[in-house]
């Protein structure tokens, strides 16, 4: 497996410094309201940089300091290996879930993406203005990107 580079990653200036792209991804994750989610692709689209895989890589490396359970796969499947922790958060926040059928592997629910997906409305840049370059994300019935 080749090592993915984050957009705008030219090399570490400081060993403990977070890449600028990672900071931007984590900032978006922190702004997602409780009970709502954005897909990896939604975050990349809002930032107008990278893609679902790059956002996923940031979340895997640095996402433990933010509400990581709010950045999700487009199909609504809970993050493998973290399903029960995520499920506790979703239930506490009232995130819409689809209960699993008895035939479903592990009987774990999925996120109900049509109701849980957040379009980034009200998400502001550092100046407090919603990004002029970005409109709202597509409605949840638009086919998701990537993943």
N, C-alpha and C. Protein backbone atom coordinates (compact mmCIF):
# COMPACT_ATOMS: atom_id res chain seq x y z
N UNK A 1 0.85 -1.18 0.00
CA UNK A 1 0.00 0.00 0.00
C UNK A 1 0.89 1.23 0.00
N UNK A 2 0.64 2.13 -0.90
CA UNK A 2 1.45 3.34 -0.96
C UNK A 2 1.00 4.31 0.12
N UNK A 3 1.92 5.13 0.54
CA UNK A 3 1.60 6.11 1.56
C UNK A 3 0.96 7.33 0.91
N UNK A 4 -0.22 7.70 1.41
CA UNK A 4 -0.93 8.86 0.87
C UNK A 4 -0.35 10.12 1.47
N UNK A 5 -0.25 11.12 0.65
CA UNK A 5 0.17 12.43 1.14
C UNK A 5 -1.06 13.32 1.22
N UNK A 6 -1.09 14.14 2.23
CA UNK A 6 -2.18 15.08 2.37
C UNK A 6 -1.97 16.23 1.40
N UNK A 7 -3.05 16.86 0.91
CA UNK A 7 -2.88 18.02 0.03
C UNK A 7 -2.02 19.07 0.71
N UNK A 8 -1.20 19.72 -0.08
CA UNK A 8 -0.33 20.80 0.40
C UNK A 8 0.71 20.32 1.41
N UNK A 9 0.96 19.04 1.46
CA UNK A 9 1.95 18.52 2.41
C UNK A 9 3.31 18.51 1.73
N UNK A 10 4.20 19.34 2.19
CA UNK A 10 5.52 19.42 1.59
C UNK A 10 6.60 18.88 2.49
N UNK A 11 6.27 18.56 3.69
CA UNK A 11 7.24 18.03 4.63
C UNK A 11 7.11 18.74 5.96
N UNK A 12 7.49 18.06 7.03
CA UNK A 12 7.30 18.65 8.36
C UNK A 12 8.31 19.76 8.64
N UNK A 13 7.77 20.92 9.03
CA UNK A 13 8.64 22.00 9.50
C UNK A 13 9.01 21.73 10.95
N UNK A 14 8.03 21.24 11.69
CA UNK A 14 8.22 20.87 13.09
C UNK A 14 7.61 19.49 13.24
N UNK A 15 8.29 18.62 13.94
CA UNK A 15 7.83 17.24 14.07
C UNK A 15 6.44 17.16 14.70
N UNK A 16 6.11 18.09 15.60
CA UNK A 16 4.82 18.04 16.28
C UNK A 16 3.76 18.94 15.63
N UNK A 17 4.10 19.61 14.56
CA UNK A 17 3.15 20.52 13.91
C UNK A 17 2.17 19.72 13.06
N UNK A 18 0.93 20.14 13.11
CA UNK A 18 -0.12 19.53 12.31
C UNK A 18 -0.09 20.13 10.91
N UNK A 19 -0.18 19.29 9.87
CA UNK A 19 -0.27 19.87 8.53
C UNK A 19 -1.48 20.81 8.42
N UNK A 20 -1.34 21.86 7.63
CA UNK A 20 -2.41 22.86 7.50
C UNK A 20 -3.72 22.21 7.04
N UNK A 21 -3.65 21.27 6.10
CA UNK A 21 -4.86 20.60 5.63
C UNK A 21 -5.52 19.83 6.77
N UNK A 22 -4.74 19.17 7.59
CA UNK A 22 -5.29 18.43 8.72
C UNK A 22 -6.00 19.37 9.69
N UNK A 23 -5.41 20.53 9.94
CA UNK A 23 -6.06 21.51 10.82
C UNK A 23 -7.41 21.92 10.26
N UNK A 24 -7.48 22.11 8.95
CA UNK A 24 -8.74 22.53 8.33
C UNK A 24 -9.79 21.43 8.42
N UNK A 25 -9.39 20.18 8.19
CA UNK A 25 -10.32 19.06 8.30
C UNK A 25 -10.84 18.95 9.72
N UNK A 26 -9.96 19.02 10.69
CA UNK A 26 -10.37 18.90 12.09
C UNK A 26 -11.27 20.05 12.52
N UNK A 27 -11.03 21.24 11.96
CA UNK A 27 -11.88 22.39 12.26
C UNK A 27 -13.31 22.13 11.77
N UNK A 28 -13.44 21.58 10.57
CA UNK A 28 -14.78 21.25 10.06
C UNK A 28 -15.44 20.21 10.96
N UNK A 29 -14.71 19.18 11.34
CA UNK A 29 -15.26 18.12 12.19
C UNK A 29 -15.77 18.70 13.51
N UNK A 30 -15.05 19.66 14.07
CA UNK A 30 -15.47 20.27 15.33
C UNK A 30 -16.74 21.10 15.20
N UNK A 31 -17.03 21.58 14.00
CA UNK A 31 -18.18 22.46 13.78
C UNK A 31 -19.47 21.70 13.43
N UNK A 32 -19.38 20.41 13.18
CA UNK A 32 -20.58 19.64 12.85
C UNK A 32 -21.44 19.56 14.12
N UNK A 33 -22.70 19.94 14.01
CA UNK A 33 -23.56 19.95 15.20
C UNK A 33 -23.80 18.55 15.76
N UNK A 34 -24.01 18.44 17.07
CA UNK A 34 -24.38 17.15 17.65
C UNK A 34 -25.62 16.60 16.95
N UNK A 35 -25.63 15.31 16.73
CA UNK A 35 -26.77 14.66 16.08
C UNK A 35 -26.72 14.70 14.57
N UNK A 36 -25.71 15.31 14.00
CA UNK A 36 -25.56 15.41 12.54
C UNK A 36 -24.21 14.84 12.14
N UNK A 37 -24.06 14.54 10.85
CA UNK A 37 -22.80 13.99 10.33
C UNK A 37 -22.48 14.59 8.97
N UNK A 38 -21.23 14.52 8.59
CA UNK A 38 -20.78 14.84 7.23
C UNK A 38 -19.95 13.64 6.77
N UNK A 39 -20.03 13.33 5.48
CA UNK A 39 -19.20 12.26 4.95
C UNK A 39 -17.79 12.78 4.72
N UNK A 40 -16.86 11.86 4.54
CA UNK A 40 -15.49 12.24 4.22
C UNK A 40 -15.49 13.12 2.96
N UNK A 41 -16.29 12.73 1.98
CA UNK A 41 -16.38 13.49 0.74
C UNK A 41 -17.00 14.87 0.94
N UNK A 42 -17.98 14.97 1.83
CA UNK A 42 -18.59 16.27 2.13
C UNK A 42 -17.54 17.24 2.68
N UNK A 43 -16.72 16.75 3.59
CA UNK A 43 -15.69 17.60 4.19
C UNK A 43 -14.72 18.08 3.11
N UNK A 44 -14.26 17.15 2.27
CA UNK A 44 -13.33 17.52 1.20
C UNK A 44 -13.96 18.53 0.25
N UNK A 45 -15.23 18.33 -0.09
CA UNK A 45 -15.91 19.25 -0.99
C UNK A 45 -16.04 20.62 -0.35
N UNK A 46 -16.37 20.66 0.93
CA UNK A 46 -16.52 21.95 1.60
C UNK A 46 -15.20 22.69 1.60
N UNK A 47 -14.10 21.96 1.81
CA UNK A 47 -12.78 22.58 1.84
C UNK A 47 -12.26 22.90 0.45
N UNK A 48 -12.87 22.32 -0.57
CA UNK A 48 -12.42 22.45 -1.96
C UNK A 48 -10.97 21.99 -2.12
N UNK A 49 -10.63 20.94 -1.40
CA UNK A 49 -9.27 20.40 -1.48
C UNK A 49 -9.30 18.95 -1.01
N UNK A 50 -8.49 18.12 -1.67
CA UNK A 50 -8.41 16.72 -1.29
C UNK A 50 -9.66 15.97 -1.70
N UNK A 51 -9.81 14.82 -1.13
CA UNK A 51 -10.95 13.97 -1.42
C UNK A 51 -11.26 13.13 -0.20
N UNK A 52 -12.21 12.20 -0.34
CA UNK A 52 -12.61 11.38 0.81
C UNK A 52 -11.45 10.63 1.46
N UNK A 53 -10.54 10.12 0.64
CA UNK A 53 -9.42 9.35 1.21
C UNK A 53 -8.48 10.24 2.03
N UNK A 54 -8.24 11.44 1.57
CA UNK A 54 -7.37 12.35 2.31
C UNK A 54 -8.02 12.75 3.63
N UNK A 55 -9.32 13.02 3.59
CA UNK A 55 -10.03 13.35 4.83
C UNK A 55 -10.00 12.15 5.78
N UNK A 56 -10.22 10.96 5.24
CA UNK A 56 -10.15 9.75 6.06
C UNK A 56 -8.79 9.56 6.70
N UNK A 57 -7.75 9.86 5.95
CA UNK A 57 -6.39 9.74 6.49
C UNK A 57 -6.17 10.73 7.63
N UNK A 58 -6.62 11.96 7.45
CA UNK A 58 -6.51 12.95 8.53
C UNK A 58 -7.25 12.46 9.77
N UNK A 59 -8.46 11.98 9.57
CA UNK A 59 -9.25 11.52 10.71
C UNK A 59 -8.59 10.33 11.40
N UNK A 60 -8.00 9.43 10.62
CA UNK A 60 -7.33 8.27 11.20
C UNK A 60 -6.10 8.68 12.01
N UNK A 61 -5.36 9.66 11.51
CA UNK A 61 -4.12 10.08 12.18
C UNK A 61 -4.35 11.05 13.33
N UNK A 62 -5.29 11.98 13.16
CA UNK A 62 -5.42 13.09 14.10
C UNK A 62 -6.83 13.26 14.69
N UNK A 63 -7.79 12.47 14.27
CA UNK A 63 -9.18 12.71 14.61
C UNK A 63 -9.60 12.43 16.04
N UNK A 64 -8.72 11.84 16.84
CA UNK A 64 -9.09 11.52 18.21
C UNK A 64 -9.35 12.72 19.10
N UNK A 65 -8.95 13.91 18.66
CA UNK A 65 -9.12 15.12 19.48
C UNK A 65 -10.40 15.89 19.14
N UNK A 66 -11.16 15.39 18.17
CA UNK A 66 -12.39 16.06 17.73
C UNK A 66 -13.52 15.03 17.75
N UNK A 67 -14.77 15.45 17.55
CA UNK A 67 -15.88 14.49 17.49
C UNK A 67 -15.80 13.64 16.20
N UNK A 68 -14.90 12.68 16.20
CA UNK A 68 -14.59 11.85 15.03
C UNK A 68 -15.80 11.08 14.52
N UNK A 69 -16.74 10.76 15.39
CA UNK A 69 -17.91 9.98 15.01
C UNK A 69 -18.85 10.76 14.10
N UNK A 70 -18.63 12.06 13.96
CA UNK A 70 -19.49 12.88 13.08
C UNK A 70 -18.97 12.97 11.65
N UNK A 71 -17.81 12.41 11.36
CA UNK A 71 -17.28 12.34 9.98
C UNK A 71 -17.32 10.87 9.61
N UNK A 72 -18.13 10.54 8.61
CA UNK A 72 -18.52 9.14 8.40
C UNK A 72 -18.41 8.70 6.95
N UNK A 73 -18.59 7.40 6.79
CA UNK A 73 -18.67 6.82 5.45
C UNK A 73 -19.99 7.22 4.80
N UNK A 74 -19.99 7.34 3.50
CA UNK A 74 -21.18 7.77 2.77
C UNK A 74 -22.32 6.75 2.83
N UNK A 75 -22.00 5.48 3.08
CA UNK A 75 -23.05 4.46 3.13
C UNK A 75 -23.69 4.33 4.51
N UNK A 76 -23.22 5.10 5.49
CA UNK A 76 -23.81 5.08 6.82
C UNK A 76 -23.35 3.95 7.72
N UNK A 77 -22.44 3.11 7.23
CA UNK A 77 -21.91 2.03 8.05
C UNK A 77 -21.01 2.63 9.13
N UNK A 78 -21.14 2.12 10.35
CA UNK A 78 -20.35 2.63 11.46
C UNK A 78 -18.87 2.26 11.27
N UNK A 79 -17.99 3.10 11.77
CA UNK A 79 -16.55 2.94 11.59
C UNK A 79 -16.08 1.61 12.17
N UNK A 80 -15.55 0.73 11.31
CA UNK A 80 -15.09 -0.58 11.77
C UNK A 80 -14.06 -0.47 12.90
N UNK A 81 -14.28 -1.25 13.93
CA UNK A 81 -13.40 -1.23 15.09
C UNK A 81 -13.80 -0.23 16.15
N UNK A 82 -14.69 0.68 15.79
CA UNK A 82 -15.13 1.72 16.73
C UNK A 82 -16.66 1.81 16.79
N UNK A 83 -17.31 0.76 16.31
CA UNK A 83 -18.77 0.79 16.18
C UNK A 83 -19.48 1.09 17.50
N UNK A 84 -19.11 0.39 18.56
CA UNK A 84 -19.84 0.55 19.82
C UNK A 84 -19.61 1.92 20.46
N UNK A 85 -18.37 2.42 20.37
CA UNK A 85 -18.10 3.77 20.89
C UNK A 85 -18.88 4.81 20.10
N UNK A 86 -18.87 4.67 18.77
CA UNK A 86 -19.61 5.61 17.93
C UNK A 86 -21.11 5.52 18.23
N UNK A 87 -21.62 4.31 18.36
CA UNK A 87 -23.04 4.12 18.62
C UNK A 87 -23.46 4.79 19.92
N UNK A 88 -22.63 4.71 20.94
CA UNK A 88 -22.92 5.41 22.20
C UNK A 88 -23.06 6.91 21.97
N UNK A 89 -22.14 7.48 21.18
CA UNK A 89 -22.20 8.92 20.87
C UNK A 89 -23.46 9.25 20.08
N UNK A 90 -23.77 8.43 19.06
CA UNK A 90 -24.95 8.70 18.22
C UNK A 90 -26.22 8.67 19.06
N UNK A 91 -26.33 7.69 19.92
CA UNK A 91 -27.54 7.59 20.76
C UNK A 91 -27.62 8.76 21.73
N UNK A 92 -26.51 9.14 22.32
CA UNK A 92 -26.50 10.27 23.27
C UNK A 92 -26.87 11.59 22.58
N UNK A 93 -26.47 11.74 21.31
CA UNK A 93 -26.73 12.98 20.56
C UNK A 93 -28.04 12.95 19.79
N UNK A 94 -28.71 11.81 19.75
CA UNK A 94 -29.95 11.71 18.99
C UNK A 94 -29.75 11.65 17.48
N UNK A 95 -28.60 11.16 17.04
CA UNK A 95 -28.33 11.03 15.61
C UNK A 95 -29.26 9.98 15.01
N UNK A 96 -29.95 10.28 13.91
CA UNK A 96 -30.87 9.32 13.30
C UNK A 96 -30.15 8.03 12.86
N UNK A 97 -30.70 6.90 13.28
CA UNK A 97 -30.14 5.59 12.96
C UNK A 97 -31.20 4.72 12.30
N UNK A 98 -30.74 3.79 11.47
CA UNK A 98 -31.60 2.75 10.90
C UNK A 98 -31.26 1.47 11.64
N UNK A 99 -32.24 0.91 12.29
CA UNK A 99 -31.97 -0.33 13.01
C UNK A 99 -31.65 -1.45 12.02
N UNK A 100 -30.74 -2.30 12.43
CA UNK A 100 -30.30 -3.40 11.57
C UNK A 100 -31.29 -4.55 11.60
N UNK A 101 -31.39 -5.24 10.49
CA UNK A 101 -32.21 -6.44 10.46
C UNK A 101 -31.45 -7.57 11.13
N UNK A 102 -32.15 -8.63 11.48
CA UNK A 102 -31.50 -9.77 12.13
C UNK A 102 -30.46 -10.41 11.20
N UNK A 103 -30.64 -10.24 9.91
CA UNK A 103 -29.71 -10.82 8.94
C UNK A 103 -28.44 -10.00 8.80
N UNK A 104 -28.47 -8.76 9.29
CA UNK A 104 -27.31 -7.86 9.14
C UNK A 104 -26.15 -8.37 9.99
N UNK A 105 -24.97 -8.26 9.44
CA UNK A 105 -23.76 -8.69 10.12
C UNK A 105 -23.59 -7.92 11.43
N UNK A 106 -23.60 -8.64 12.55
CA UNK A 106 -23.39 -8.00 13.84
C UNK A 106 -24.61 -7.29 14.39
N UNK A 107 -25.69 -7.22 13.63
CA UNK A 107 -26.93 -6.56 14.05
C UNK A 107 -26.72 -5.11 14.47
N UNK A 108 -25.74 -4.45 13.88
CA UNK A 108 -25.48 -3.05 14.20
C UNK A 108 -26.29 -2.13 13.29
N UNK A 109 -26.84 -1.06 13.85
CA UNK A 109 -27.56 -0.11 13.00
C UNK A 109 -26.59 0.66 12.11
N UNK A 110 -27.16 1.33 11.12
CA UNK A 110 -26.42 2.26 10.27
C UNK A 110 -26.96 3.65 10.55
N UNK A 111 -26.20 4.63 10.11
CA UNK A 111 -26.71 6.00 10.18
C UNK A 111 -27.79 6.17 9.13
N UNK A 112 -28.83 6.89 9.46
CA UNK A 112 -29.87 7.22 8.49
C UNK A 112 -29.42 8.51 7.81
N UNK A 113 -28.70 8.34 6.71
CA UNK A 113 -27.99 9.46 6.08
C UNK A 113 -28.93 10.57 5.60
N UNK A 114 -30.11 10.24 5.13
CA UNK A 114 -31.01 11.30 4.64
C UNK A 114 -31.37 12.28 5.74
N UNK A 115 -31.46 11.80 6.95
CA UNK A 115 -31.82 12.69 8.07
C UNK A 115 -30.62 13.18 8.85
N UNK A 116 -29.54 12.40 8.90
CA UNK A 116 -28.40 12.75 9.74
C UNK A 116 -27.40 13.66 9.03
N UNK A 117 -27.37 13.60 7.71
CA UNK A 117 -26.34 14.32 6.95
C UNK A 117 -26.54 15.83 7.04
N UNK A 118 -25.47 16.51 7.37
CA UNK A 118 -25.49 17.97 7.51
C UNK A 118 -24.85 18.59 6.28
N UNK A 119 -25.45 19.66 5.77
CA UNK A 119 -24.97 20.27 4.52
C UNK A 119 -23.94 21.37 4.74
N UNK A 120 -23.53 21.59 5.97
CA UNK A 120 -22.53 22.63 6.23
C UNK A 120 -23.13 24.01 6.36
N UNK A 121 -24.44 24.11 6.32
CA UNK A 121 -25.10 25.41 6.46
C UNK A 121 -24.72 26.07 7.77
N UNK A 122 -24.27 27.33 7.68
CA UNK A 122 -23.85 28.05 8.87
C UNK A 122 -22.40 27.80 9.24
N UNK A 123 -21.76 26.88 8.53
CA UNK A 123 -20.34 26.63 8.77
C UNK A 123 -19.56 27.84 8.28
N UNK A 124 -18.81 28.46 9.14
CA UNK A 124 -18.12 29.70 8.79
C UNK A 124 -16.63 29.50 8.74
N UNK A 125 -15.97 30.36 7.96
CA UNK A 125 -14.50 30.32 7.93
C UNK A 125 -13.97 31.12 9.13
N UNK A 126 -12.70 31.29 9.21
CA UNK A 126 -12.06 31.97 10.34
C UNK A 126 -12.54 33.39 10.54
N UNK A 127 -13.08 34.03 9.48
CA UNK A 127 -13.56 35.42 9.60
C UNK A 127 -15.01 35.50 10.04
N UNK A 128 -15.64 34.31 10.26
CA UNK A 128 -17.03 34.31 10.66
C UNK A 128 -17.99 34.39 9.50
N UNK A 129 -17.48 34.32 8.27
CA UNK A 129 -18.35 34.35 7.09
C UNK A 129 -18.41 32.96 6.48
N UNK A 130 -19.58 32.57 6.08
CA UNK A 130 -19.67 31.30 5.35
C UNK A 130 -18.86 31.46 4.08
N UNK A 131 -18.15 30.42 3.70
CA UNK A 131 -17.27 30.51 2.53
C UNK A 131 -18.02 30.97 1.31
N UNK A 132 -17.60 32.09 0.70
CA UNK A 132 -18.25 32.61 -0.50
C UNK A 132 -18.09 31.64 -1.66
N UNK A 133 -17.01 30.86 -1.64
CA UNK A 133 -16.71 29.94 -2.72
C UNK A 133 -17.50 28.66 -2.63
N UNK A 134 -18.25 28.48 -1.55
CA UNK A 134 -18.96 27.23 -1.34
C UNK A 134 -20.42 27.51 -1.09
N UNK A 135 -21.25 26.81 -1.77
CA UNK A 135 -22.67 26.85 -1.46
C UNK A 135 -22.95 25.73 -0.49
N UNK A 136 -24.15 25.36 -0.39
CA UNK A 136 -24.50 24.23 0.45
C UNK A 136 -24.10 22.96 -0.26
N UNK A 137 -23.83 21.93 0.52
CA UNK A 137 -23.50 20.64 -0.06
C UNK A 137 -24.74 20.05 -0.71
N UNK A 138 -24.58 19.09 -1.60
CA UNK A 138 -25.74 18.52 -2.26
C UNK A 138 -26.65 17.82 -1.26
N UNK A 139 -27.95 17.73 -1.58
CA UNK A 139 -28.87 17.04 -0.68
C UNK A 139 -28.45 15.58 -0.54
N UNK A 140 -28.88 14.95 0.56
CA UNK A 140 -28.42 13.61 0.86
C UNK A 140 -28.89 12.56 -0.15
N UNK A 141 -29.87 12.89 -1.01
CA UNK A 141 -30.31 11.90 -1.98
C UNK A 141 -29.46 11.94 -3.25
N UNK A 142 -28.47 12.83 -3.31
CA UNK A 142 -27.52 12.84 -4.41
C UNK A 142 -26.52 11.72 -4.14
N UNK A 143 -26.16 10.93 -5.13
CA UNK A 143 -25.22 9.83 -4.87
C UNK A 143 -23.94 10.35 -4.23
N UNK A 144 -23.48 9.66 -3.16
CA UNK A 144 -22.27 10.11 -2.47
C UNK A 144 -21.03 9.90 -3.31
N UNK A 145 -19.98 10.57 -2.94
CA UNK A 145 -18.73 10.50 -3.66
C UNK A 145 -17.80 9.54 -2.95
N UNK A 146 -16.88 8.96 -3.71
CA UNK A 146 -15.83 8.14 -3.14
C UNK A 146 -16.35 6.91 -2.44
N UNK A 147 -15.80 6.66 -1.31
CA UNK A 147 -16.03 5.50 -0.47
C UNK A 147 -17.11 4.64 -1.00
